[in-house]
Protein backbone atom coordinates (compact mmCIF):
# COMPACT_ATOMS: atom_id res chain seq x y z
CA MET A 1 -51.43 -93.81 25.13
CA ILE A 2 -52.73 -90.43 24.70
CA ILE A 3 -56.21 -91.23 25.04
CA ASP A 4 -55.40 -93.10 28.37
CA ILE A 5 -53.46 -89.94 29.56
CA VAL A 6 -56.60 -87.80 28.76
CA LYS A 7 -58.71 -90.51 30.73
CA VAL A 8 -56.63 -89.75 33.77
CA PHE A 9 -56.30 -86.08 33.75
CA ILE A 10 -59.70 -84.86 32.59
CA PRO A 11 -61.46 -86.62 35.36
CA SER A 12 -59.06 -85.43 37.94
CA THR A 13 -59.32 -81.75 36.64
CA LEU A 14 -63.07 -82.08 36.83
CA ALA A 15 -63.09 -83.34 40.60
CA PHE A 16 -60.80 -80.43 41.39
CA ILE A 17 -63.38 -78.18 39.93
CA ILE A 18 -66.30 -79.77 41.45
CA GLY A 19 -64.40 -80.03 44.77
CA ILE A 20 -63.70 -76.04 44.51
CA ILE A 21 -67.50 -75.53 43.83
CA LEU A 22 -68.43 -77.70 46.68
CA SER A 23 -66.07 -76.19 49.10
CA PHE A 24 -68.06 -72.79 49.12
CA VAL A 25 -71.34 -74.79 49.80
CA VAL A 26 -70.05 -77.06 52.31
CA SER A 27 -68.15 -74.27 54.06
CA HIS A 28 -71.30 -72.12 54.29
CA TYR A 29 -73.21 -74.97 55.76
CA LEU A 30 -70.57 -75.99 58.28
CA TYR A 31 -70.03 -72.37 59.59
CA LYS A 32 -73.96 -71.67 59.53
CA TYR A 33 -74.51 -74.60 61.75
CA LYS A 34 -71.33 -74.10 63.73
CA LEU A 35 -70.17 -77.74 63.17
CA TRP A 36 -67.18 -77.53 65.23
CA LYS A 37 -66.01 -78.81 68.54
CA LYS A 38 -67.73 -76.88 71.44
CA LYS A 39 -65.18 -77.63 74.14
CA VAL A 40 -61.41 -77.24 73.83
CA GLY A 41 -59.45 -80.42 75.02
CA LYS A 42 -58.47 -84.01 73.98
CA VAL A 43 -57.69 -87.12 75.84
CA ASP A 44 -55.38 -89.86 75.25
CA SER A 45 -56.10 -93.64 74.91
CA GLN A 46 -56.30 -93.82 78.90
CA GLY A 47 -58.64 -91.10 79.10
CA ASN A 48 -56.08 -88.52 80.45
CA ALA A 49 -56.02 -84.90 79.13
CA THR A 50 -53.27 -84.27 76.65
CA VAL A 51 -52.07 -81.25 78.21
CA ILE A 52 -49.30 -80.16 75.49
CA PHE A 53 -51.63 -80.93 72.57
CA ASN A 54 -54.39 -78.96 74.17
CA GLU A 55 -52.20 -75.92 74.75
CA LEU A 56 -50.70 -76.07 71.18
CA HIS A 57 -54.23 -76.30 69.68
CA LYS A 58 -56.39 -74.46 72.04
CA GLU A 59 -57.17 -71.64 69.62
CA LYS A 60 -58.01 -74.18 66.62
CA GLU A 61 -60.09 -76.83 68.50
CA VAL A 62 -63.07 -74.42 68.54
CA GLY A 63 -64.29 -72.15 65.76
CA THR A 64 -62.83 -74.22 62.80
CA PRO A 65 -65.39 -76.60 61.47
CA ARG A 66 -64.93 -80.32 61.04
CA MET A 67 -66.29 -82.58 58.35
CA GLY A 68 -64.31 -81.12 55.42
CA GLY A 69 -63.49 -84.40 54.32
CA ILE A 70 -67.04 -84.40 52.74
CA ILE A 71 -65.42 -82.11 49.92
CA ILE A 72 -63.10 -85.11 48.97
CA TRP A 73 -65.38 -87.93 48.71
CA LEU A 74 -68.47 -85.94 47.48
CA SER A 75 -66.34 -84.66 44.58
CA VAL A 76 -65.31 -88.13 43.88
CA LEU A 77 -68.66 -89.57 43.91
CA ILE A 78 -70.23 -86.64 41.77
CA THR A 79 -67.39 -86.84 39.17
CA THR A 80 -67.75 -90.71 38.59
CA GLY A 81 -71.27 -90.45 38.58
CA PHE A 82 -71.31 -87.62 36.00
CA LEU A 83 -68.97 -89.27 33.70
CA TRP A 84 -70.94 -92.47 33.99
CA THR A 85 -74.21 -90.84 33.08
CA ILE A 86 -72.75 -88.80 30.37
CA ALA A 87 -71.36 -92.04 28.70
CA LYS A 88 -74.98 -93.56 29.12
CA ILE A 89 -76.83 -90.59 27.55
CA ILE A 90 -74.37 -89.59 24.96
CA PRO A 91 -72.48 -92.95 23.94
CA THR A 92 -69.31 -91.64 21.86
CA ASN A 93 -65.73 -93.07 22.03
CA LEU A 94 -64.68 -90.18 23.98
CA THR A 95 -67.46 -90.24 26.80
CA GLU A 96 -67.26 -93.93 26.93
CA LYS A 97 -63.53 -93.76 27.54
CA LEU A 98 -63.86 -91.20 30.25
CA ASP A 99 -66.33 -93.34 32.12
CA ILE A 100 -63.92 -94.96 34.88
CA LEU A 101 -66.62 -97.05 36.66
CA SER A 102 -65.78 -100.67 36.11
CA ARG A 103 -66.30 -103.87 38.14
CA ASN A 104 -62.95 -104.99 38.05
CA GLN A 105 -61.11 -102.14 38.76
CA THR A 106 -63.23 -99.11 40.59
CA TRP A 107 -66.29 -100.62 42.10
CA ILE A 108 -64.52 -101.74 45.05
CA PRO A 109 -62.48 -98.87 45.98
CA LEU A 110 -65.37 -96.53 45.35
CA LEU A 111 -67.67 -98.36 47.58
CA THR A 112 -64.94 -98.45 50.29
CA LEU A 113 -64.39 -94.76 49.98
CA ILE A 114 -68.11 -93.91 50.38
CA LEU A 115 -68.83 -96.41 53.25
CA GLY A 116 -65.63 -95.32 55.17
CA ALA A 117 -66.83 -91.68 54.61
CA LEU A 118 -70.42 -92.23 55.87
CA VAL A 119 -69.24 -94.04 59.07
CA GLY A 120 -66.68 -91.17 59.57
CA LEU A 121 -69.46 -88.62 59.09
CA ILE A 122 -71.41 -90.15 61.84
CA ASP A 123 -68.42 -90.11 64.11
CA ASP A 124 -67.87 -86.39 63.35
CA PHE A 125 -71.50 -85.58 63.96
CA PHE A 126 -71.77 -87.11 67.31
CA GLU A 127 -68.23 -85.53 68.25
CA ILE A 128 -69.80 -82.21 67.44
CA LYS A 129 -73.51 -82.79 68.55
CA GLY A 130 -73.36 -85.50 71.12
CA THR A 131 -74.82 -84.66 74.58
CA VAL A 132 -72.27 -84.38 77.25
CA GLY A 133 -72.62 -87.48 79.48
CA SER A 134 -74.14 -89.47 76.62
CA ARG A 135 -72.42 -92.58 75.31
CA LEU A 136 -71.81 -91.11 71.94
CA ALA A 137 -70.41 -87.82 73.39
CA GLY A 138 -67.13 -87.13 71.80
CA GLY A 139 -68.00 -89.31 68.82
CA LEU A 140 -67.66 -93.06 68.23
CA SER A 141 -65.02 -94.89 70.57
CA LEU A 142 -61.88 -96.08 69.27
CA LYS A 143 -63.21 -99.68 69.53
CA LYS A 144 -66.24 -98.98 67.36
CA ARG A 145 -64.28 -97.34 64.66
CA LEU A 146 -61.66 -100.26 64.64
CA ALA A 147 -64.66 -102.58 64.49
CA VAL A 148 -66.10 -100.81 61.52
CA VAL A 149 -62.74 -100.76 59.77
CA THR A 150 -62.17 -104.40 60.52
CA VAL A 151 -65.61 -105.30 59.21
CA VAL A 152 -65.02 -103.42 55.82
CA SER A 153 -61.77 -104.73 55.35
CA LEU A 154 -62.87 -108.18 56.07
CA LEU A 155 -65.56 -107.99 53.45
CA CYS A 156 -63.13 -106.63 50.96
CA ALA A 157 -60.60 -109.39 51.87
CA LEU A 158 -63.22 -112.06 51.30
CA TRP A 159 -64.15 -110.69 47.88
CA PHE A 160 -60.29 -110.78 46.99
CA TYR A 161 -59.76 -114.19 48.17
CA PHE A 162 -63.07 -116.02 47.02
CA LYS A 163 -64.28 -113.65 43.99
CA LEU A 164 -60.97 -112.55 42.65
CA GLY A 165 -58.81 -115.60 43.69
CA VAL A 166 -56.10 -113.43 45.25
CA THR A 167 -53.97 -115.44 47.76
CA GLY A 168 -50.78 -113.50 48.17
CA ILE A 169 -48.89 -110.71 47.25
CA GLY A 170 -46.13 -109.71 44.66
CA MET A 171 -42.46 -109.62 45.47
CA PRO A 172 -39.90 -107.80 43.20
CA TYR A 173 -37.49 -110.46 41.59
CA ILE A 174 -39.18 -113.21 43.53
CA GLY A 175 -42.80 -113.42 42.31
CA GLN A 176 -45.91 -114.38 43.96
CA ILE A 177 -45.77 -115.14 47.79
CA HIS A 178 -48.86 -117.08 48.64
CA PHE A 179 -50.50 -116.92 51.96
CA GLY A 180 -53.58 -119.06 51.39
CA TRP A 181 -56.44 -118.25 53.65
CA LEU A 182 -53.93 -116.17 55.82
CA PHE A 183 -54.36 -113.48 53.03
CA ILE A 184 -57.57 -112.53 54.83
CA PRO A 185 -56.21 -111.57 58.34
CA PHE A 186 -53.26 -110.14 56.31
CA PHE A 187 -55.65 -107.87 54.34
CA ILE A 188 -57.26 -106.79 57.51
CA LEU A 189 -54.06 -106.03 59.31
CA VAL A 190 -52.78 -103.74 56.57
CA THR A 191 -56.07 -101.88 56.63
CA LEU A 192 -56.08 -101.34 60.31
CA ALA A 193 -52.46 -100.15 59.95
CA LEU A 194 -53.18 -97.65 57.50
CA TYR A 195 -56.39 -96.45 59.43
CA SER A 196 -54.33 -95.97 62.44
CA GLY A 197 -51.97 -93.67 60.70
CA GLY A 198 -55.11 -91.39 59.85
CA VAL A 199 -54.45 -89.60 63.15
CA ILE A 200 -51.89 -87.52 61.05
CA ASP A 201 -54.84 -85.02 60.37
CA GLY A 202 -53.86 -82.65 63.21
CA ILE A 203 -51.96 -79.68 61.43
CA ASP A 204 -53.50 -77.51 58.66
CA GLY A 205 -52.74 -78.83 55.29
CA LEU A 206 -50.72 -81.80 56.48
CA ALA A 207 -53.02 -84.92 55.86
CA GLY A 208 -54.26 -83.38 52.55
CA GLY A 209 -51.06 -82.90 51.13
CA ILE A 210 -49.81 -86.16 52.05
CA PHE A 211 -52.96 -88.19 50.90
CA ALA A 212 -52.68 -86.29 47.44
CA ILE A 213 -49.13 -87.33 47.17
CA MET A 214 -49.92 -90.96 48.18
CA PHE A 215 -52.77 -91.51 45.85
CA SER A 216 -50.70 -89.75 42.90
CA ALA A 217 -48.19 -92.56 43.33
CA TYR A 218 -50.78 -95.35 43.08
CA ALA A 219 -52.37 -93.46 40.12
CA GLY A 220 -48.80 -93.74 38.37
CA ILE A 221 -48.36 -97.38 39.45
CA ALA A 222 -51.73 -98.22 38.19
CA PHE A 223 -51.17 -96.59 34.96
CA TYR A 224 -48.12 -98.35 34.29
CA LEU A 225 -49.77 -101.72 35.13
CA HIS A 226 -52.53 -100.68 32.50
CA GLN A 227 -55.15 -100.47 35.04
CA ILE A 228 -56.33 -97.03 33.43
CA ASN A 229 -59.78 -97.09 35.21
CA LEU A 230 -57.92 -97.33 38.68
CA ALA A 231 -55.37 -94.96 37.82
CA SER A 232 -58.11 -92.37 36.79
CA PHE A 233 -60.05 -93.24 40.01
CA CYS A 234 -56.74 -92.59 42.05
CA ALA A 235 -56.41 -89.26 40.21
CA VAL A 236 -59.88 -88.22 40.65
CA VAL A 237 -59.36 -88.71 44.60
CA VAL A 238 -56.18 -86.36 43.98
CA GLY A 239 -58.37 -83.83 42.43
CA GLY A 240 -60.92 -83.75 45.17
CA THR A 241 -58.21 -83.87 47.88
CA LEU A 242 -56.46 -80.85 46.11
CA ALA A 243 -59.64 -78.93 46.24
CA PHE A 244 -59.96 -79.39 49.87
CA LEU A 245 -56.48 -78.68 50.46
CA TRP A 246 -56.85 -75.27 48.61
CA PHE A 247 -59.18 -74.21 51.64
CA ASN A 248 -57.20 -76.38 54.33
CA ILE A 249 -53.74 -74.68 53.88
CA PRO A 250 -53.04 -72.43 56.97
CA PRO A 251 -55.11 -70.91 58.29
CA ALA A 252 -57.61 -73.71 57.79
CA ARG A 253 -61.06 -73.05 56.86
CA PHE A 254 -62.32 -76.51 57.85
CA TYR A 255 -60.61 -79.73 59.00
CA MET A 256 -60.82 -83.05 57.06
CA SER A 257 -61.63 -85.03 60.20
CA GLU A 258 -62.82 -88.66 60.37
CA THR A 259 -65.24 -88.58 57.30
CA GLY A 260 -62.02 -87.88 55.16
CA SER A 261 -59.34 -89.72 56.96
CA MET A 262 -61.20 -93.00 57.48
CA ALA A 263 -62.35 -92.86 53.72
CA LEU A 264 -58.97 -92.22 52.57
CA THR A 265 -56.94 -94.61 54.53
CA ILE A 266 -58.97 -97.84 54.10
CA THR A 267 -59.32 -96.76 50.40
CA LEU A 268 -55.67 -96.41 49.93
CA ALA A 269 -55.28 -100.27 51.29
CA VAL A 270 -57.66 -101.41 48.74
CA VAL A 271 -55.77 -99.54 45.94
CA ALA A 272 -52.62 -101.09 47.19
CA PHE A 273 -53.97 -104.74 46.79
CA MET A 274 -55.54 -103.66 43.39
CA THR A 275 -51.98 -102.87 42.25
CA ASP A 276 -50.56 -105.98 43.52
CA SER A 277 -51.35 -109.56 42.31
CA LEU A 278 -54.48 -108.43 40.43
CA GLY A 279 -52.53 -106.00 38.22
CA GLY A 280 -49.25 -108.16 38.30
CA GLY A 281 -47.72 -105.53 40.41
CA HIS A 282 -46.20 -104.90 43.90
CA GLY A 283 -48.49 -102.40 45.27
CA ILE A 284 -48.22 -103.87 48.94
CA ILE A 285 -44.55 -104.41 49.08
CA VAL A 286 -44.16 -100.51 48.37
CA LEU A 287 -47.00 -99.52 50.60
CA PRO A 288 -44.70 -98.96 53.74
CA ILE A 289 -42.45 -96.71 51.58
CA ILE A 290 -45.38 -94.75 49.83
CA ALA A 291 -47.32 -94.37 53.03
CA PHE A 292 -44.15 -93.90 55.33
CA PRO A 293 -45.65 -90.57 56.97
CA LEU A 294 -48.64 -92.68 58.15
CA LEU A 295 -46.40 -95.54 59.37
CA MET A 296 -44.21 -92.96 61.17
CA THR A 297 -47.51 -91.62 62.87
CA THR A 298 -48.72 -94.92 64.02
CA VAL A 299 -45.10 -96.10 65.23
CA SER A 300 -44.54 -92.86 67.21
CA VAL A 301 -47.78 -93.55 69.20
CA ILE A 302 -47.05 -97.20 69.88
CA ILE A 303 -43.60 -96.21 70.90
CA GLN A 304 -45.12 -93.41 73.22
CA VAL A 305 -47.58 -95.79 74.89
CA LEU A 306 -45.23 -98.34 75.39
CA SER A 307 -42.83 -96.20 76.79
CA LYS A 308 -45.33 -94.60 79.42
CA LYS A 309 -46.25 -98.11 80.29
CA PHE A 310 -42.88 -99.78 80.79
CA ARG A 311 -40.82 -96.89 81.94
CA ASN A 312 -42.97 -95.54 84.60
CA GLY A 313 -44.68 -92.92 82.77
CA LYS A 314 -41.60 -91.62 80.81
CA LYS A 315 -42.26 -90.29 77.35
CA VAL A 316 -40.20 -90.63 74.32
CA PHE A 317 -41.70 -87.58 72.63
CA MET A 318 -42.99 -84.57 74.20
CA VAL A 319 -46.28 -85.40 72.60
CA ALA A 320 -47.52 -88.03 70.26
CA PRO A 321 -48.05 -88.40 67.16
CA VAL A 322 -44.52 -87.30 66.08
CA HIS A 323 -45.61 -84.40 64.06
CA HIS A 324 -47.10 -82.57 67.28
CA HIS A 325 -43.64 -83.37 68.91
CA PHE A 326 -41.95 -81.15 66.28
CA GLU A 327 -44.75 -78.42 67.09
CA ALA A 328 -44.00 -78.61 70.95
CA LYS A 329 -40.26 -78.36 69.94
CA GLY A 330 -41.17 -74.91 68.58
CA TRP A 331 -41.50 -75.71 64.74
CA PRO A 332 -44.16 -73.61 63.30
CA SER A 333 -47.02 -75.85 62.04
CA TYR A 334 -46.42 -74.74 58.40
CA LYS A 335 -42.89 -75.82 58.41
CA VAL A 336 -43.95 -79.25 59.99
CA THR A 337 -46.62 -79.53 57.02
CA MET A 338 -44.26 -78.66 54.29
CA ARG A 339 -41.22 -80.68 55.62
CA TYR A 340 -43.80 -83.71 55.69
CA TRP A 341 -44.72 -83.01 52.08
CA VAL A 342 -41.30 -83.19 50.95
CA ILE A 343 -40.71 -86.47 52.95
CA SER A 344 -43.85 -87.82 51.57
CA LEU A 345 -42.82 -86.76 47.88
CA VAL A 346 -39.64 -88.39 48.18
CA CYS A 347 -41.18 -91.62 49.50
CA ALA A 348 -43.58 -91.59 46.90
CA ILE A 349 -40.77 -91.45 44.20
CA VAL A 350 -38.73 -94.24 45.88
CA GLY A 351 -41.72 -96.39 45.90
CA ILE A 352 -42.75 -95.82 42.29
CA THR A 353 -39.24 -96.68 41.24
CA ILE A 354 -39.39 -100.00 43.19
CA ALA A 355 -42.76 -100.81 41.86
CA LEU A 356 -41.68 -100.26 38.39
CA ILE A 357 -38.27 -101.83 38.46
CA GLY A 358 -39.35 -105.00 40.33
């Protein structure tokens, strides 16, 4: 038990330290090359200017670099690579125990994290550097990003279904509910739903704190299920996210942007499935609870779009997603952030409790 706890906390602490060091290097690069949006303004899904949002964030849209999510996934990659290398060079009980790379627990989420990060990085680059009037100005289109997430989740779903034999999800007090081949589209829909909640990255410190809490919750669930490598991986993600958050709290030195949000959302989906049937747990059924802030973000956007479409342009929220609605109502951004953190923490506790007693 003690060595398992050490395996979770040492890599997480190492990832935090590496992330802090990386932050200075990445920050210098981002500011040196002025990797921020050059023009204030954002448009909605119909191509119309988001007047209220643009007014609220007119001083933040330019001058603050994007791509801060690099710190998160790069610290995870360096930490896991370092521990693996040390275990190979100096094979002792301790170094081999601290190696968190394993084919049955961490290869899939790690590869998903890196793949999502690289695609997100491309999107961020074109959003910053895209030539005005070109097809890539403003970054990859929503359709292209959704297509990428769909392909990645499809590959993961096929691996779960054909290689790992996963055909359903666990239900507390009921047992397994088998979907058969429908497990594949179910996996894709869950991943897309989580990815859509990534737009929560819009206020200083908001996304970083919430993602740290959600991955902490799944680290606890994985540890309870004796998936120690997976628990350690989640803890490493938390360590890297906290390093990012150290510089992202108001006033943000940089933003997470797509390279962070895409990587974290689709990885969270994979981790949730890893802590379900494979571990004999209920990682999926508690996902809507643990990831409630992301769910609330997505639902608020859907409500807003449907309301404008079927109610002659009338809006439910002053601006969507709903966290910007609170800003528009006069809440200081730090108050929105910290109340979301509180909600996320409560949801994580409830989710963990249900997962453990089920």
